[in-house]
Protein backbone atom coordinates (compact mmCIF):
# COMPACT_ATOMS: atom_id res chain seq x y z
CA UNK A 1 0.00 0.00 0.00
CA UNK A 2 1.53 3.31 -1.09
CA UNK A 3 0.94 6.30 1.13
CA UNK A 4 0.20 9.47 -0.79
CA UNK A 5 -0.40 11.72 2.22
CA UNK A 6 2.24 13.53 4.24
CA UNK A 7 2.20 10.85 6.93
CA UNK A 8 5.05 8.46 6.38
CA UNK A 9 5.39 4.90 7.56
CA UNK A 10 9.00 3.90 6.85
CA UNK A 11 8.32 0.32 5.74
CA UNK A 12 5.33 1.19 3.56
CA UNK A 13 7.12 4.27 2.17
CA UNK A 14 10.25 2.30 1.36
CA UNK A 15 8.20 -0.41 -0.37
CA UNK A 16 6.37 2.26 -2.36
CA UNK A 17 9.64 3.90 -3.37
CA UNK A 18 11.14 0.59 -4.51
CA UNK A 19 8.03 -0.18 -6.58
CA UNK A 20 8.20 3.22 -8.26
CA UNK A 21 11.93 2.85 -8.94
CA UNK A 22 11.27 -0.47 -10.67
CA UNK A 23 8.64 1.19 -12.88
CA UNK A 24 11.03 3.80 -14.30
CA UNK A 25 12.00 3.43 -17.93
CA UNK A 26 15.39 1.77 -17.71
CA UNK A 27 16.44 2.59 -21.28
CA UNK A 28 15.93 6.32 -20.79
CA UNK A 29 17.67 6.26 -17.40
CA UNK A 30 20.60 4.33 -18.90
CA UNK A 31 20.81 6.84 -21.75
CA UNK A 32 20.84 9.76 -19.33
CA UNK A 33 23.61 8.20 -17.24
CA UNK A 34 25.60 7.31 -20.36
CA UNK A 35 25.42 10.90 -21.64
CA UNK A 36 26.28 12.27 -18.20
CA UNK A 37 29.31 10.01 -17.86
CA UNK A 38 30.60 10.80 -21.36
CA UNK A 39 30.13 14.52 -20.73
CA UNK A 40 31.97 14.34 -17.41
CA UNK A 41 34.85 12.38 -18.93
CA UNK A 42 35.17 14.88 -21.79
CA UNK A 43 35.04 17.83 -19.39
CA UNK A 44 37.63 16.24 -17.11
CA UNK A 45 39.99 15.53 -20.00
CA UNK A 46 39.54 19.04 -21.41
CA UNK A 47 40.15 20.77 -18.08
CA UNK A 48 42.96 18.54 -16.81
CA UNK A 49 45.60 20.20 -19.00
CA UNK A 50 45.64 23.30 -16.84
CA UNK A 51 47.20 21.99 -13.63
CA UNK A 52 46.34 25.03 -11.48
CA UNK A 53 42.63 24.91 -12.36
CA UNK A 54 42.21 21.23 -13.18
CA UNK A 55 39.13 20.21 -11.21
CA UNK A 56 37.23 23.52 -11.00
CA UNK A 57 34.82 23.11 -13.94
CA UNK A 58 34.66 19.35 -13.39
CA UNK A 59 33.63 19.74 -9.75
CA UNK A 60 31.01 22.34 -10.66
CA UNK A 61 29.55 20.04 -13.30
CA UNK A 62 29.63 17.08 -10.92
CA UNK A 63 27.67 19.05 -8.31
CA UNK A 64 25.17 20.03 -11.00
CA UNK A 65 24.82 16.38 -12.04
CA UNK A 66 24.12 15.28 -8.47
CA UNK A 67 21.54 18.05 -7.99
CA UNK A 68 19.95 17.21 -11.34
CA UNK A 69 19.69 13.50 -10.58
CA UNK A 70 18.17 14.30 -7.20
CA UNK A 71 15.63 16.58 -8.84
CA UNK A 72 14.87 13.97 -11.48
CA UNK A 73 14.21 11.35 -8.82
CA UNK A 74 12.05 13.72 -6.76
CA UNK A 75 9.94 14.65 -9.79
CA UNK A 76 9.60 11.03 -10.87
CA UNK A 77 7.95 10.23 -7.52
CA UNK A 78 5.64 13.26 -7.65
CA UNK A 79 2.00 12.37 -8.32
CA UNK A 80 1.00 14.95 -10.91
CA UNK A 81 -2.67 13.98 -10.64
CA UNK A 82 -2.83 15.68 -7.24
CA UNK A 83 -2.57 19.03 -9.06
CA UNK A 84 -6.06 18.55 -10.54
CA UNK A 85 -7.71 18.12 -7.17
PDB file of N, CA and C in Angstrom:
ATOM      1  N   UNK A   1       0.845  -1.179   0.000  1.00  0.00           N
ATOM      2  CA  UNK A   1       0.000   0.000   0.000  1.00  0.00           C
ATOM      3  C   UNK A   1       0.890   1.242   0.000  1.00  0.00           C
ATOM      4  N   UNK A   2       0.754   2.078  -1.002  1.00  0.00           N
ATOM      5  CA  UNK A   2       1.535   3.308  -1.086  1.00  0.00           C
ATOM      6  C   UNK A   2       0.804   4.425  -0.366  1.00  0.00           C
ATOM      7  N   UNK A   3       1.516   5.162   0.424  1.00  0.00           N
ATOM      8  CA  UNK A   3       0.938   6.303   1.133  1.00  0.00           C
ATOM      9  C   UNK A   3       1.152   7.549   0.303  1.00  0.00           C
ATOM     10  N   UNK A   4       0.088   8.254   0.001  1.00  0.00           N
ATOM     11  CA  UNK A   4       0.204   9.469  -0.789  1.00  0.00           C
ATOM     12  C   UNK A   4       0.063  10.714   0.065  1.00  0.00           C
ATOM     13  N   UNK A   5      -0.275  10.571   1.337  1.00  0.00           N
ATOM     14  CA  UNK A   5      -0.398  11.717   2.224  1.00  0.00           C
ATOM     15  C   UNK A   5       0.964  12.077   2.793  1.00  0.00           C
ATOM     16  N   UNK A   6       0.981  13.099   3.641  1.00  0.00           N
ATOM     17  CA  UNK A   6       2.243  13.526   4.242  1.00  0.00           C
ATOM     18  C   UNK A   6       2.697  12.604   5.358  1.00  0.00           C
ATOM     19  N   UNK A   7       1.781  11.787   5.900  1.00  0.00           N
ATOM     20  CA  UNK A   7       2.201  10.846   6.932  1.00  0.00           C
ATOM     21  C   UNK A   7       3.074   9.785   6.285  1.00  0.00           C
ATOM     22  N   UNK A   8       4.064   9.347   7.000  1.00  0.00           N
ATOM     23  CA  UNK A   8       5.049   8.460   6.382  1.00  0.00           C
ATOM     24  C   UNK A   8       5.358   7.303   7.314  1.00  0.00           C
ATOM     25  N   UNK A   9       5.015   6.125   6.878  1.00  0.00           N
ATOM     26  CA  UNK A   9       5.393   4.904   7.556  1.00  0.00           C
ATOM     27  C   UNK A   9       6.623   4.382   6.821  1.00  0.00           C
ATOM     28  N   UNK A  10       7.743   4.192   7.520  1.00  0.00           N
ATOM     29  CA  UNK A  10       9.001   3.898   6.849  1.00  0.00           C
ATOM     30  C   UNK A  10       8.914   2.644   5.994  1.00  0.00           C
ATOM     31  N   UNK A  11       8.366   1.564   6.513  1.00  0.00           N
ATOM     32  CA  UNK A  11       8.320   0.315   5.743  1.00  0.00           C
ATOM     33  C   UNK A  11       7.419   0.438   4.524  1.00  0.00           C
ATOM     34  N   UNK A  12       6.243   1.015   4.692  1.00  0.00           N
ATOM     35  CA  UNK A  12       5.334   1.185   3.562  1.00  0.00           C
ATOM     36  C   UNK A  12       5.902   2.193   2.561  1.00  0.00           C
ATOM     37  N   UNK A  13       6.525   3.269   3.065  1.00  0.00           N
ATOM     38  CA  UNK A  13       7.120   4.267   2.173  1.00  0.00           C
ATOM     39  C   UNK A  13       8.288   3.720   1.400  1.00  0.00           C
ATOM     40  N   UNK A  14       9.103   2.891   2.041  1.00  0.00           N
ATOM     41  CA  UNK A  14      10.251   2.299   1.360  1.00  0.00           C
ATOM     42  C   UNK A  14       9.786   1.319   0.294  1.00  0.00           C
ATOM     43  N   UNK A  15       8.756   0.530   0.610  1.00  0.00           N
ATOM     44  CA  UNK A  15       8.195  -0.406  -0.373  1.00  0.00           C
ATOM     45  C   UNK A  15       7.646   0.362  -1.572  1.00  0.00           C
ATOM     46  N   UNK A  16       6.947   1.446  -1.301  1.00  0.00           N
ATOM     47  CA  UNK A  16       6.372   2.260  -2.362  1.00  0.00           C
ATOM     48  C   UNK A  16       7.468   2.849  -3.245  1.00  0.00           C
ATOM     49  N   UNK A  17       8.546   3.307  -2.619  1.00  0.00           N
ATOM     50  CA  UNK A  17       9.642   3.897  -3.371  1.00  0.00           C
ATOM     51  C   UNK A  17      10.326   2.849  -4.253  1.00  0.00           C
ATOM     52  N   UNK A  18      10.512   1.656  -3.736  1.00  0.00           N
ATOM     53  CA  UNK A  18      11.138   0.589  -4.514  1.00  0.00           C
ATOM     54  C   UNK A  18      10.252   0.213  -5.696  1.00  0.00           C
ATOM     55  N   UNK A  19       8.945   0.137  -5.481  1.00  0.00           N
ATOM     56  CA  UNK A  19       8.026  -0.182  -6.579  1.00  0.00           C
ATOM     57  C   UNK A  19       8.085   0.878  -7.666  1.00  0.00           C
ATOM     58  N   UNK A  20       8.140   2.148  -7.269  1.00  0.00           N
ATOM     59  CA  UNK A  20       8.200   3.219  -8.257  1.00  0.00           C
ATOM     60  C   UNK A  20       9.542   3.238  -8.977  1.00  0.00           C
ATOM     61  N   UNK A  21      10.621   2.914  -8.279  1.00  0.00           N
ATOM     62  CA  UNK A  21      11.929   2.848  -8.937  1.00  0.00           C
ATOM     63  C   UNK A  21      11.960   1.743  -9.983  1.00  0.00           C
ATOM     64  N   UNK A  22      11.299   0.638  -9.714  1.00  0.00           N
ATOM     65  CA  UNK A  22      11.271  -0.465 -10.667  1.00  0.00           C
ATOM     66  C   UNK A  22      10.401  -0.156 -11.876  1.00  0.00           C
ATOM     67  N   UNK A  23       9.506   0.831 -11.764  1.00  0.00           N
ATOM     68  CA  UNK A  23       8.636   1.192 -12.877  1.00  0.00           C
ATOM     69  C   UNK A  23       9.257   2.228 -13.811  1.00  0.00           C
ATOM     70  N   UNK A  24      10.397   2.797 -13.440  1.00  0.00           N
ATOM     71  CA  UNK A  24      11.032   3.797 -14.299  1.00  0.00           C
ATOM     72  C   UNK A  24      11.514   3.150 -15.585  1.00  0.00           C
ATOM     73  N   UNK A  25      11.543   3.929 -16.641  1.00  0.00           N
ATOM     74  CA  UNK A  25      12.002   3.430 -17.933  1.00  0.00           C
ATOM     75  C   UNK A  25      13.520   3.273 -17.898  1.00  0.00           C
ATOM     76  N   UNK A  26      13.969   2.053 -17.887  1.00  0.00           N
ATOM     77  CA  UNK A  26      15.394   1.771 -17.709  1.00  0.00           C
ATOM     78  C   UNK A  26      16.238   2.222 -18.891  1.00  0.00           C
ATOM     79  N   UNK A  27      15.676   2.186 -20.094  1.00  0.00           N
ATOM     80  CA  UNK A  27      16.440   2.593 -21.281  1.00  0.00           C
ATOM     81  C   UNK A  27      16.718   4.091 -21.235  1.00  0.00           C
ATOM     82  N   UNK A  28      15.733   4.872 -20.866  1.00  0.00           N
ATOM     83  CA  UNK A  28      15.929   6.323 -20.788  1.00  0.00           C
ATOM     84  C   UNK A  28      16.907   6.670 -19.666  1.00  0.00           C
ATOM     85  N   UNK A  29      16.759   6.013 -18.517  1.00  0.00           N
ATOM     86  CA  UNK A  29      17.670   6.265 -17.395  1.00  0.00           C
ATOM     87  C   UNK A  29      19.091   5.880 -17.776  1.00  0.00           C
ATOM     88  N   UNK A  30      19.267   4.755 -18.462  1.00  0.00           N
ATOM     89  CA  UNK A  30      20.602   4.330 -18.902  1.00  0.00           C
ATOM     90  C   UNK A  30      21.181   5.326 -19.895  1.00  0.00           C
ATOM     91  N   UNK A  31      20.348   5.840 -20.796  1.00  0.00           N
ATOM     92  CA  UNK A  31      20.811   6.845 -21.751  1.00  0.00           C
ATOM     93  C   UNK A  31      21.244   8.132 -21.080  1.00  0.00           C
ATOM     94  N   UNK A  32      20.491   8.549 -20.077  1.00  0.00           N
ATOM     95  CA  UNK A  32      20.841   9.760 -19.327  1.00  0.00           C
ATOM     96  C   UNK A  32      22.180   9.575 -18.625  1.00  0.00           C
ATOM     97  N   UNK A  33      22.352   8.432 -17.948  1.00  0.00           N
ATOM     98  CA  UNK A  33      23.613   8.198 -17.240  1.00  0.00           C
ATOM     99  C   UNK A  33      24.785   8.023 -18.204  1.00  0.00           C
ATOM    100  N   UNK A  34      24.540   7.441 -19.365  1.00  0.00           N
ATOM    101  CA  UNK A  34      25.603   7.314 -20.360  1.00  0.00           C
ATOM    102  C   UNK A  34      26.046   8.689 -20.868  1.00  0.00           C
ATOM    103  N   UNK A  35      25.074   9.552 -21.186  1.00  0.00           N
ATOM    104  CA  UNK A  35      25.416  10.903 -21.640  1.00  0.00           C
ATOM    105  C   UNK A  35      26.100  11.713 -20.543  1.00  0.00           C
ATOM    106  N   UNK A  36      25.641  11.554 -19.308  1.00  0.00           N
ATOM    107  CA  UNK A  36      26.284  12.266 -18.198  1.00  0.00           C
ATOM    108  C   UNK A  36      27.723  11.814 -18.007  1.00  0.00           C
ATOM    109  N   UNK A  37      27.949  10.510 -18.069  1.00  0.00           N
ATOM    110  CA  UNK A  37      29.310  10.014 -17.855  1.00  0.00           C
ATOM    111  C   UNK A  37      30.236  10.423 -18.998  1.00  0.00           C
ATOM    112  N   UNK A  38      29.762  10.370 -20.231  1.00  0.00           N
ATOM    113  CA  UNK A  38      30.596  10.805 -21.363  1.00  0.00           C
ATOM    114  C   UNK A  38      30.903  12.289 -21.244  1.00  0.00           C
ATOM    115  N   UNK A  39      29.906  13.086 -20.889  1.00  0.00           N
ATOM    116  CA  UNK A  39      30.128  14.522 -20.733  1.00  0.00           C
ATOM    117  C   UNK A  39      31.113  14.833 -19.623  1.00  0.00           C
ATOM    118  N   UNK A  40      31.023  14.105 -18.503  1.00  0.00           N
ATOM    119  CA  UNK A  40      31.965  14.339 -17.405  1.00  0.00           C
ATOM    120  C   UNK A  40      33.382  13.918 -17.783  1.00  0.00           C
ATOM    121  N   UNK A  41      33.519  12.818 -18.511  1.00  0.00           N
ATOM    122  CA  UNK A  41      34.854  12.382 -18.934  1.00  0.00           C
ATOM    123  C   UNK A  41      35.463  13.390 -19.899  1.00  0.00           C
ATOM    124  N   UNK A  42      34.669  13.897 -20.838  1.00  0.00           N
ATOM    125  CA  UNK A  42      35.171  14.885 -21.790  1.00  0.00           C
ATOM    126  C   UNK A  42      35.552  16.182 -21.071  1.00  0.00           C
ATOM    127  N   UNK A  43      34.729  16.620 -20.137  1.00  0.00           N
ATOM    128  CA  UNK A  43      35.039  17.832 -19.389  1.00  0.00           C
ATOM    129  C   UNK A  43      36.286  17.659 -18.542  1.00  0.00           C
ATOM    130  N   UNK A  44      36.440  16.486 -17.918  1.00  0.00           N
ATOM    131  CA  UNK A  44      37.631  16.236 -17.106  1.00  0.00           C
ATOM    132  C   UNK A  44      38.887  16.228 -17.977  1.00  0.00           C
ATOM    133  N   UNK A  45      38.805  15.583 -19.141  1.00  0.00           N
ATOM    134  CA  UNK A  45      39.993  15.528 -20.004  1.00  0.00           C
ATOM    135  C   UNK A  45      40.320  16.895 -20.593  1.00  0.00           C
ATOM    136  N   UNK A  46      39.303  17.711 -20.857  1.00  0.00           N
ATOM    137  CA  UNK A  46      39.545  19.038 -21.415  1.00  0.00           C
ATOM    138  C   UNK A  46      40.095  19.994 -20.366  1.00  0.00           C
ATOM    139  N   UNK A  47      39.701  19.833 -19.115  1.00  0.00           N
ATOM    140  CA  UNK A  47      40.149  20.766 -18.082  1.00  0.00           C
ATOM    141  C   UNK A  47      41.367  20.264 -17.320  1.00  0.00           C
ATOM    142  N   UNK A  48      41.831  19.052 -17.570  1.00  0.00           N
ATOM    143  CA  UNK A  48      42.964  18.536 -16.811  1.00  0.00           C
ATOM    144  C   UNK A  48      44.306  19.044 -17.323  1.00  0.00           C
ATOM    145  N   UNK A  49      44.342  19.685 -18.482  1.00  0.00           N
ATOM    146  CA  UNK A  49      45.597  20.203 -19.003  1.00  0.00           C
ATOM    147  C   UNK A  49      46.130  21.370 -18.205  1.00  0.00           C
ATOM    148  N   UNK A  50      45.254  22.162 -17.653  1.00  0.00           N
ATOM    149  CA  UNK A  50      45.642  23.300 -16.837  1.00  0.00           C
ATOM    150  C   UNK A  50      45.767  22.821 -15.397  1.00  0.00           C
ATOM    151  N   UNK A  51      46.989  22.625 -14.929  1.00  0.00           N
ATOM    152  CA  UNK A  51      47.200  21.987 -13.629  1.00  0.00           C
ATOM    153  C   UNK A  51      46.738  22.851 -12.454  1.00  0.00           C
ATOM    154  N   UNK A  52      46.737  24.177 -12.605  1.00  0.00           N
ATOM    155  CA  UNK A  52      46.335  25.029 -11.484  1.00  0.00           C
ATOM    156  C   UNK A  52      44.814  25.087 -11.328  1.00  0.00           C
ATOM    157  N   UNK A  53      44.086  24.796 -12.387  1.00  0.00           N
ATOM    158  CA  UNK A  53      42.633  24.914 -12.363  1.00  0.00           C
ATOM    159  C   UNK A  53      41.990  23.634 -12.899  1.00  0.00           C
ATOM    160  N   UNK A  54      42.572  22.490 -12.542  1.00  0.00           N
ATOM    161  CA  UNK A  54      42.208  21.230 -13.181  1.00  0.00           C
ATOM    162  C   UNK A  54      40.798  20.768 -12.831  1.00  0.00           C
ATOM    163  N   UNK A  55      40.410  20.792 -11.581  1.00  0.00           N
ATOM    164  CA  UNK A  55      39.132  20.207 -11.212  1.00  0.00           C
ATOM    165  C   UNK A  55      38.025  21.224 -10.991  1.00  0.00           C
ATOM    166  N   UNK A  56      38.256  22.504 -11.225  1.00  0.00           N
ATOM    167  CA  UNK A  56      37.233  23.515 -10.999  1.00  0.00           C
ATOM    168  C   UNK A  56      35.970  23.300 -11.812  1.00  0.00           C
ATOM    169  N   UNK A  57      36.033  23.326 -13.140  1.00  0.00           N
ATOM    170  CA  UNK A  57      34.817  23.109 -13.940  1.00  0.00           C
ATOM    171  C   UNK A  57      34.249  21.697 -13.769  1.00  0.00           C
ATOM    172  N   UNK A  58      35.121  20.733 -13.577  1.00  0.00           N
ATOM    173  CA  UNK A  58      34.663  19.355 -13.394  1.00  0.00           C
ATOM    174  C   UNK A  58      33.862  19.224 -12.105  1.00  0.00           C
ATOM    175  N   UNK A  59      34.343  19.825 -11.028  1.00  0.00           N
ATOM    176  CA  UNK A  59      33.626  19.743  -9.755  1.00  0.00           C
ATOM    177  C   UNK A  59      32.293  20.476  -9.828  1.00  0.00           C
ATOM    178  N   UNK A  60      32.265  21.615 -10.510  1.00  0.00           N
ATOM    179  CA  UNK A  60      31.006  22.339 -10.665  1.00  0.00           C
ATOM    180  C   UNK A  60      29.992  21.507 -11.441  1.00  0.00           C
ATOM    181  N   UNK A  61      30.442  20.864 -12.494  1.00  0.00           N
ATOM    182  CA  UNK A  61      29.547  20.043 -13.297  1.00  0.00           C
ATOM    183  C   UNK A  61      29.093  18.813 -12.521  1.00  0.00           C
ATOM    184  N   UNK A  62      29.984  18.242 -11.721  1.00  0.00           N
ATOM    185  CA  UNK A  62      29.633  17.082 -10.917  1.00  0.00           C
ATOM    186  C   UNK A  62      28.575  17.433  -9.875  1.00  0.00           C
ATOM    187  N   UNK A  63      28.692  18.595  -9.260  1.00  0.00           N
ATOM    188  CA  UNK A  63      27.674  19.052  -8.310  1.00  0.00           C
ATOM    189  C   UNK A  63      26.347  19.258  -9.037  1.00  0.00           C
ATOM    190  N   UNK A  64      26.389  19.827 -10.225  1.00  0.00           N
ATOM    191  CA  UNK A  64      25.168  20.027 -11.004  1.00  0.00           C
ATOM    192  C   UNK A  64      24.518  18.702 -11.386  1.00  0.00           C
ATOM    193  N   UNK A  65      25.328  17.714 -11.698  1.00  0.00           N
ATOM    194  CA  UNK A  65      24.817  16.380 -12.045  1.00  0.00           C
ATOM    195  C   UNK A  65      24.108  15.762 -10.841  1.00  0.00           C
ATOM    196  N   UNK A  66      24.717  15.861  -9.672  1.00  0.00           N
ATOM    197  CA  UNK A  66      24.118  15.277  -8.467  1.00  0.00           C
ATOM    198  C   UNK A  66      22.807  15.979  -8.136  1.00  0.00           C
ATOM    199  N   UNK A  67      22.771  17.306  -8.248  1.00  0.00           N
ATOM    200  CA  UNK A  67      21.536  18.052  -7.991  1.00  0.00           C
ATOM    201  C   UNK A  67      20.477  17.687  -9.036  1.00  0.00           C
ATOM    202  N   UNK A  68      20.882  17.564 -10.278  1.00  0.00           N
ATOM    203  CA  UNK A  68      19.951  17.213 -11.344  1.00  0.00           C
ATOM    204  C   UNK A  68      19.365  15.824 -11.180  1.00  0.00           C
ATOM    205  N   UNK A  69      20.190  14.859 -10.789  1.00  0.00           N
ATOM    206  CA  UNK A  69      19.693  13.501 -10.576  1.00  0.00           C
ATOM    207  C   UNK A  69      18.744  13.473  -9.384  1.00  0.00           C
ATOM    208  N   UNK A  70      19.074  14.213  -8.343  1.00  0.00           N
ATOM    209  CA  UNK A  70      18.168  14.299  -7.201  1.00  0.00           C
ATOM    210  C   UNK A  70      16.831  14.907  -7.581  1.00  0.00           C
ATOM    211  N   UNK A  71      16.869  15.963  -8.368  1.00  0.00           N
ATOM    212  CA  UNK A  71      15.629  16.582  -8.841  1.00  0.00           C
ATOM    213  C   UNK A  71      14.836  15.659  -9.746  1.00  0.00           C
ATOM    214  N   UNK A  72      15.538  14.923 -10.599  1.00  0.00           N
ATOM    215  CA  UNK A  72      14.871  13.974 -11.485  1.00  0.00           C
ATOM    216  C   UNK A  72      14.161  12.894 -10.676  1.00  0.00           C
ATOM    217  N   UNK A  73      14.827  12.382  -9.638  1.00  0.00           N
ATOM    218  CA  UNK A  73      14.206  11.348  -8.816  1.00  0.00           C
ATOM    219  C   UNK A  73      13.030  11.902  -8.022  1.00  0.00           C
ATOM    220  N   UNK A  74      13.160  13.122  -7.511  1.00  0.00           N
ATOM    221  CA  UNK A  74      12.052  13.717  -6.764  1.00  0.00           C
ATOM    222  C   UNK A  74      10.837  13.924  -7.670  1.00  0.00           C
ATOM    223  N   UNK A  75      11.062  14.419  -8.877  1.00  0.00           N
ATOM    224  CA  UNK A  75       9.945  14.647  -9.787  1.00  0.00           C
ATOM    225  C   UNK A  75       9.355  13.347 -10.316  1.00  0.00           C
ATOM    226  N   UNK A  76      10.149  12.296 -10.391  1.00  0.00           N
ATOM    227  CA  UNK A  76       9.603  11.027 -10.866  1.00  0.00           C
ATOM    228  C   UNK A  76       8.687  10.397  -9.832  1.00  0.00           C
ATOM    229  N   UNK A  77       8.829  10.743  -8.558  1.00  0.00           N
ATOM    230  CA  UNK A  77       7.947  10.226  -7.515  1.00  0.00           C
ATOM    231  C   UNK A  77       6.756  11.137  -7.257  1.00  0.00           C
ATOM    232  N   UNK A  78       6.715  12.312  -7.870  1.00  0.00           N
ATOM    233  CA  UNK A  78       5.639  13.260  -7.647  1.00  0.00           C
ATOM    234  C   UNK A  78       4.394  12.810  -8.387  1.00  0.00           C
ATOM    235  N   UNK A  79       3.256  12.755  -7.706  1.00  0.00           N
ATOM    236  CA  UNK A  79       2.002  12.366  -8.319  1.00  0.00           C
ATOM    237  C   UNK A  79       1.360  13.603  -8.926  1.00  0.00           C
ATOM    238  N   UNK A  80       1.482  13.753 -10.238  1.00  0.00           N
ATOM    239  CA  UNK A  80       1.003  14.945 -10.908  1.00  0.00           C
ATOM    240  C   UNK A  80      -0.519  15.047 -10.915  1.00  0.00           C
ATOM    241  N   UNK A  81      -1.219  13.949 -10.653  1.00  0.00           N
ATOM    242  CA  UNK A  81      -2.668  13.978 -10.639  1.00  0.00           C
ATOM    243  C   UNK A  81      -3.219  14.704  -9.426  1.00  0.00           C
ATOM    244  N   UNK A  82      -2.380  14.927  -8.420  1.00  0.00           N
ATOM    245  CA  UNK A  82      -2.835  15.682  -7.244  1.00  0.00           C
ATOM    246  C   UNK A  82      -2.999  17.160  -7.577  1.00  0.00           C
ATOM    247  N   UNK A  83      -2.426  17.628  -8.680  1.00  0.00           N
ATOM    248  CA  UNK A  83      -2.571  19.033  -9.059  1.00  0.00           C
ATOM    249  C   UNK A  83      -3.986  19.350  -9.545  1.00  0.00           C
ATOM    250  N   UNK A  84      -4.684  18.342 -10.068  1.00  0.00           N
ATOM    251  CA  UNK A  84      -6.059  18.552 -10.544  1.00  0.00           C
ATOM    252  C   UNK A  84      -7.054  18.671  -9.407  1.00  0.00           C
ATOM    253  N   UNK A  85      -6.744  18.091  -8.270  1.00  0.00           N
ATOM    254  CA  UNK A  85      -7.711  18.123  -7.167  1.00  0.00           C
ATOM    255  C   UNK A  85      -7.457  19.258  -6.210  1.00  0.00           C
TER     256      UNK A  85
END
